[in-house]
């Protein structure tokens, strides 16, 4: 038989546990970043250009292939690494080269960076290289922006318009 003091003790333990969970669910207050600062977030994935050129197949080569594989061009799967740089007010704050994902090196390169900046006017420049020429940035965008306190400003790549975007 269950004794009443066991039931009361168990109820007290459950109540204490529930109160503790309720307290830690709402307190102490946590702030992701300073209320006076804005957040500049760089978050993008991009597939670099293919390494090398595509090769035109001759009629003899096409005839030797099974019917389902007879494309006129033969292109390698491997892609270039992507280099991304970001400057805030003339200072380079992010510079990274990412290799393409995947076993064959044919996937997207991924970038993520998040940093606090004082609220106010800033000059933000983003540059990305995804081609075969290591001396040239294929995409280069510059924007002057007024950031409000606690604003999150995102730098991304617009695949449809083929340009770096700022939101």
C-alpha atoms as a PDB file:
ATOM      1  CA  UNK A   1       0.000   0.000   0.000  1.00  0.00           C
ATOM      2  CA  UNK A   2       1.221   3.469  -0.896  1.00  0.00           C
ATOM      3  CA  UNK A   3       1.603   5.748   2.069  1.00  0.00           C
ATOM      4  CA  UNK A   4       0.179   9.303   1.957  1.00  0.00           C
ATOM      5  CA  UNK A   5       3.557  10.822   2.864  1.00  0.00           C
ATOM      6  CA  UNK A   6       5.119   9.169  -0.227  1.00  0.00           C
ATOM      7  CA  UNK A   7       2.426  10.692  -2.452  1.00  0.00           C
ATOM      8  CA  UNK A   8       2.904  14.114  -0.821  1.00  0.00           C
ATOM      9  CA  UNK A   9       6.702  13.875  -1.197  1.00  0.00           C
ATOM     10  CA  UNK A  10       6.389  12.889  -4.844  1.00  0.00           C
ATOM     11  CA  UNK A  11       3.945  15.757  -5.528  1.00  0.00           C
ATOM     12  CA  UNK A  12       6.328  18.192  -3.808  1.00  0.00           C
ATOM     13  CA  UNK A  13       9.266  16.942  -5.911  1.00  0.00           C
ATOM     14  CA  UNK A  14       7.247  17.254  -9.163  1.00  0.00           C
ATOM     15  CA  UNK A  15       6.107  20.759  -8.209  1.00  0.00           C
ATOM     16  CA  UNK A  16       9.671  21.875  -7.394  1.00  0.00           C
ATOM     17  CA  UNK A  17      10.890  20.456 -10.715  1.00  0.00           C
ATOM     18  CA  UNK A  18       8.076  22.204 -12.660  1.00  0.00           C
ATOM     19  CA  UNK A  19       8.810  25.542 -10.941  1.00  0.00           C
ATOM     20  CA  UNK A  20      12.513  25.181 -11.762  1.00  0.00           C
ATOM     21  CA  UNK A  21      11.746  24.488 -15.448  1.00  0.00           C
ATOM     22  CA  UNK A  22       9.333  27.440 -15.600  1.00  0.00           C
ATOM     23  CA  UNK A  23      11.950  29.761 -14.101  1.00  0.00           C
ATOM     24  CA  UNK A  24      14.759  28.732 -16.456  1.00  0.00           C
ATOM     25  CA  UNK A  25      12.422  28.883 -19.475  1.00  0.00           C
ATOM     26  CA  UNK A  26      11.971  32.635 -18.997  1.00  0.00           C
ATOM     27  CA  UNK A  27      14.929  33.766 -16.870  1.00  0.00           C
ATOM     28  CA  UNK A  28      17.664  34.896 -16.804  1.00  0.00           C
ATOM     29  CA  UNK A  29      17.248  37.159 -19.830  1.00  0.00           C
ATOM     30  CA  UNK A  30      19.617  36.343 -22.698  1.00  0.00           C
ATOM     31  CA  UNK A  31      20.564  38.821 -25.413  1.00  0.00           C
ATOM     32  CA  UNK A  32      22.164  37.573 -28.608  1.00  0.00           C
ATOM     33  CA  UNK A  33      24.108  40.780 -29.058  1.00  0.00           C
ATOM     34  CA  UNK A  34      24.436  44.234 -27.567  1.00  0.00           C
ATOM     35  CA  UNK A  35      21.285  46.382 -27.897  1.00  0.00           C
ATOM     36  CA  UNK A  36      23.379  49.259 -29.305  1.00  0.00           C
ATOM     37  CA  UNK A  37      24.937  47.195 -32.096  1.00  0.00           C
ATOM     38  CA  UNK A  38      23.740  45.810 -35.413  1.00  0.00           C
ATOM     39  CA  UNK A  39      24.639  42.402 -36.807  1.00  0.00           C
ATOM     40  CA  UNK A  40      26.175  41.846 -40.251  1.00  0.00           C
ATOM     41  CA  UNK A  41      25.668  38.243 -41.319  1.00  0.00           C
ATOM     42  CA  UNK A  42      27.296  36.619 -44.336  1.00  0.00           C
ATOM     43  CA  UNK A  43      25.478  33.423 -45.243  1.00  0.00           C
ATOM     44  CA  UNK A  44      25.634  31.885 -48.684  1.00  0.00           C
ATOM     45  CA  UNK A  45      26.247  28.775 -50.727  1.00  0.00           C
ATOM     46  CA  UNK A  46      27.522  28.960 -54.274  1.00  0.00           C
ATOM     47  CA  UNK A  47      28.740  26.457 -56.868  1.00  0.00           C
ATOM     48  CA  UNK A  48      31.921  27.612 -58.562  1.00  0.00           C
ATOM     49  CA  UNK A  49      32.422  27.413 -62.309  1.00  0.00           C
ATOM     50  CA  UNK A  50      33.451  24.081 -63.777  1.00  0.00           C
ATOM     51  CA  UNK A  51      37.161  23.303 -63.845  1.00  0.00           C
ATOM     52  CA  UNK A  52      38.392  23.152 -67.411  1.00  0.00           C
ATOM     53  CA  UNK A  53      36.462  23.402 -70.633  1.00  0.00           C
ATOM     54  CA  UNK A  54      33.827  21.099 -72.051  1.00  0.00           C
ATOM     55  CA  UNK A  55      34.935  18.860 -74.913  1.00  0.00           C
ATOM     56  CA  UNK A  56      32.926  18.336 -78.103  1.00  0.00           C
ATOM     57  CA  UNK A  57      32.493  14.643 -78.909  1.00  0.00           C
ATOM     58  CA  UNK A  58      33.072  13.382 -82.431  1.00  0.00           C
ATOM     59  CA  UNK A  59      30.395  11.362 -84.265  1.00  0.00           C
ATOM     60  CA  UNK A  60      32.524   8.229 -83.738  1.00  0.00           C
ATOM     61  CA  UNK A  61      32.677   8.812 -79.985  1.00  0.00           C
ATOM     62  CA  UNK A  62      28.910   9.379 -79.855  1.00  0.00           C
ATOM     63  CA  UNK A  63      28.241   6.157 -81.787  1.00  0.00           C
ATOM     64  CA  UNK A  64      30.367   4.176 -79.323  1.00  0.00           C
ATOM     65  CA  UNK A  65      28.291   5.372 -76.354  1.00  0.00           C
ATOM     66  CA  UNK A  66      25.004   3.849 -75.179  1.00  0.00           C
ATOM     67  CA  UNK A  67      21.967   5.823 -76.465  1.00  0.00           C
ATOM     68  CA  UNK A  68      21.166   7.298 -73.044  1.00  0.00           C
ATOM     69  CA  UNK A  69      24.660   8.834 -72.719  1.00  0.00           C
ATOM     70  CA  UNK A  70      24.959  10.494 -76.147  1.00  0.00           C
ATOM     71  CA  UNK A  71      25.370  14.144 -75.287  1.00  0.00           C
ATOM     72  CA  UNK A  72      27.401  16.230 -77.724  1.00  0.00           C
ATOM     73  CA  UNK A  73      29.555  17.728 -74.991  1.00  0.00           C
ATOM     74  CA  UNK A  74      31.619  16.021 -72.325  1.00  0.00           C
ATOM     75  CA  UNK A  75      32.125  18.172 -69.227  1.00  0.00           C
ATOM     76  CA  UNK A  76      33.967  17.294 -66.046  1.00  0.00           C
ATOM     77  CA  UNK A  77      32.066  17.370 -62.765  1.00  0.00           C
ATOM     78  CA  UNK A  78      34.711  19.089 -60.647  1.00  0.00           C
ATOM     79  CA  UNK A  79      34.198  22.759 -59.796  1.00  0.00           C
ATOM     80  CA  UNK A  80      36.474  25.631 -58.789  1.00  0.00           C
ATOM     81  CA  UNK A  81      36.931  26.635 -55.181  1.00  0.00           C
ATOM     82  CA  UNK A  82      35.112  29.844 -54.285  1.00  0.00           C
ATOM     83  CA  UNK A  83      36.862  32.760 -52.577  1.00  0.00           C
ATOM     84  CA  UNK A  84      34.777  35.283 -50.671  1.00  0.00           C
ATOM     85  CA  UNK A  85      35.908  38.527 -49.044  1.00  0.00           C
ATOM     86  CA  UNK A  86      33.944  41.151 -47.130  1.00  0.00           C
ATOM     87  CA  UNK A  87      35.097  44.626 -46.087  1.00  0.00           C
ATOM     88  CA  UNK A  88      33.334  46.856 -43.591  1.00  0.00           C
ATOM     89  CA  UNK A  89      34.401  50.512 -43.702  1.00  0.00           C
ATOM     90  CA  UNK A  90      37.510  49.644 -45.723  1.00  0.00           C
ATOM     91  CA  UNK A  91      38.742  46.904 -43.371  1.00  0.00           C
ATOM     92  CA  UNK A  92      38.724  43.291 -44.565  1.00  0.00           C
ATOM     93  CA  UNK A  93      36.780  41.405 -41.894  1.00  0.00           C
ATOM     94  CA  UNK A  94      36.240  38.127 -43.765  1.00  0.00           C
ATOM     95  CA  UNK A  95      38.397  36.331 -46.322  1.00  0.00           C
ATOM     96  CA  UNK A  96      37.969  32.643 -46.976  1.00  0.00           C
ATOM     97  CA  UNK A  97      38.339  30.106 -49.774  1.00  0.00           C
ATOM     98  CA  UNK A  98      36.014  27.108 -49.636  1.00  0.00           C
ATOM     99  CA  UNK A  99      36.338  23.928 -51.639  1.00  0.00           C
ATOM    100  CA  UNK A 100      33.233  22.510 -53.280  1.00  0.00           C
ATOM    101  CA  UNK A 101      31.350  19.862 -51.336  1.00  0.00           C
ATOM    102  CA  UNK A 102      30.801  16.320 -52.554  1.00  0.00           C
ATOM    103  CA  UNK A 103      32.963  13.320 -53.294  1.00  0.00           C
ATOM    104  CA  UNK A 104      33.627  14.520 -56.831  1.00  0.00           C
ATOM    105  CA  UNK A 105      34.130  18.159 -55.829  1.00  0.00           C
ATOM    106  CA  UNK A 106      30.979  19.084 -57.745  1.00  0.00           C
ATOM    107  CA  UNK A 107      28.865  20.609 -54.975  1.00  0.00           C
ATOM    108  CA  UNK A 108      28.435  24.052 -53.518  1.00  0.00           C
ATOM    109  CA  UNK A 109      30.920  25.977 -51.392  1.00  0.00           C
ATOM    110  CA  UNK A 110      29.453  27.212 -48.105  1.00  0.00           C
ATOM    111  CA  UNK A 111      30.206  30.393 -46.165  1.00  0.00           C
ATOM    112  CA  UNK A 112      28.940  31.752 -42.856  1.00  0.00           C
ATOM    113  CA  UNK A 113      30.127  34.655 -40.747  1.00  0.00           C
ATOM    114  CA  UNK A 114      28.346  36.861 -38.238  1.00  0.00           C
ATOM    115  CA  UNK A 115      29.757  39.940 -36.548  1.00  0.00           C
ATOM    116  CA  UNK A 116      28.551  42.872 -34.508  1.00  0.00           C
ATOM    117  CA  UNK A 117      29.104  46.408 -35.739  1.00  0.00           C
ATOM    118  CA  UNK A 118      28.111  49.706 -34.129  1.00  0.00           C
ATOM    119  CA  UNK A 119      24.769  51.023 -35.351  1.00  0.00           C
ATOM    120  CA  UNK A 120      25.091  53.803 -37.909  1.00  0.00           C
ATOM    121  CA  UNK A 121      26.330  54.350 -41.452  1.00  0.00           C
ATOM    122  CA  UNK A 122      28.714  51.741 -42.898  1.00  0.00           C
ATOM    123  CA  UNK A 123      30.307  50.991 -46.250  1.00  0.00           C
ATOM    124  CA  UNK A 124      30.089  47.248 -46.955  1.00  0.00           C
ATOM    125  CA  UNK A 125      31.853  45.596 -49.877  1.00  0.00           C
ATOM    126  CA  UNK A 126      31.598  41.922 -50.810  1.00  0.00           C
ATOM    127  CA  UNK A 127      33.739  40.213 -53.453  1.00  0.00           C
ATOM    128  CA  UNK A 128      33.506  36.655 -54.756  1.00  0.00           C
ATOM    129  CA  UNK A 129      35.733  34.672 -57.102  1.00  0.00           C
ATOM    130  CA  UNK A 130      34.396  31.445 -58.603  1.00  0.00           C
ATOM    131  CA  UNK A 131      36.138  31.291 -61.992  1.00  0.00           C
ATOM    132  CA  UNK A 132      39.381  30.045 -63.476  1.00  0.00           C
ATOM    133  CA  UNK A 133      41.242  33.381 -63.171  1.00  0.00           C
ATOM    134  CA  UNK A 134      42.712  33.713 -59.653  1.00  0.00           C
ATOM    135  CA  UNK A 135      43.524  37.414 -60.168  1.00  0.00           C
ATOM    136  CA  UNK A 136      39.952  38.563 -60.844  1.00  0.00           C
ATOM    137  CA  UNK A 137      36.882  38.702 -58.621  1.00  0.00           C
ATOM    138  CA  UNK A 138      33.890  37.655 -60.724  1.00  0.00           C
ATOM    139  CA  UNK A 139      31.400  39.471 -58.481  1.00  0.00           C
ATOM    140  CA  UNK A 140      32.055  42.730 -56.627  1.00  0.00           C
ATOM    141  CA  UNK A 141      29.322  44.750 -54.901  1.00  0.00           C
ATOM    142  CA  UNK A 142      29.577  47.872 -52.746  1.00  0.00           C
ATOM    143  CA  UNK A 143      26.782  49.367 -50.653  1.00  0.00           C
ATOM    144  CA  UNK A 144      26.473  52.174 -48.139  1.00  0.00           C
ATOM    145  CA  UNK A 145      23.914  51.296 -45.496  1.00  0.00           C
ATOM    146  CA  UNK A 146      22.454  52.858 -42.352  1.00  0.00           C
ATOM    147  CA  UNK A 147      22.177  50.132 -39.710  1.00  0.00           C
ATOM    148  CA  UNK A 148      19.763  50.517 -36.808  1.00  0.00           C
ATOM    149  CA  UNK A 149      20.429  49.061 -33.349  1.00  0.00           C
ATOM    150  CA  UNK A 150      19.633  45.307 -33.235  1.00  0.00           C
ATOM    151  CA  UNK A 151      19.187  45.204 -37.024  1.00  0.00           C
ATOM    152  CA  UNK A 152      20.368  42.044 -38.789  1.00  0.00           C
ATOM    153  CA  UNK A 153      21.888  42.813 -42.201  1.00  0.00           C
ATOM    154  CA  UNK A 154      22.451  39.800 -44.479  1.00  0.00           C
ATOM    155  CA  UNK A 155      24.916  39.422 -47.350  1.00  0.00           C
ATOM    156  CA  UNK A 156      23.862  36.640 -49.741  1.00  0.00           C
ATOM    157  CA  UNK A 157      24.202  35.605 -53.393  1.00  0.00           C
ATOM    158  CA  UNK A 158      21.233  35.927 -55.748  1.00  0.00           C
ATOM    159  CA  UNK A 159      21.515  32.936 -58.116  1.00  0.00           C
ATOM    160  CA  UNK A 160      18.723  34.205 -60.364  1.00  0.00           C
ATOM    161  CA  UNK A 161      20.320  37.610 -61.048  1.00  0.00           C
ATOM    162  CA  UNK A 162      23.908  36.368 -60.619  1.00  0.00           C
ATOM    163  CA  UNK A 163      24.994  39.028 -58.138  1.00  0.00           C
ATOM    164  CA  UNK A 164      25.756  39.489 -54.465  1.00  0.00           C
ATOM    165  CA  UNK A 165      22.721  40.770 -52.609  1.00  0.00           C
ATOM    166  CA  UNK A 166      22.278  42.786 -49.439  1.00  0.00           C
ATOM    167  CA  UNK A 167      19.132  42.542 -47.298  1.00  0.00           C
END
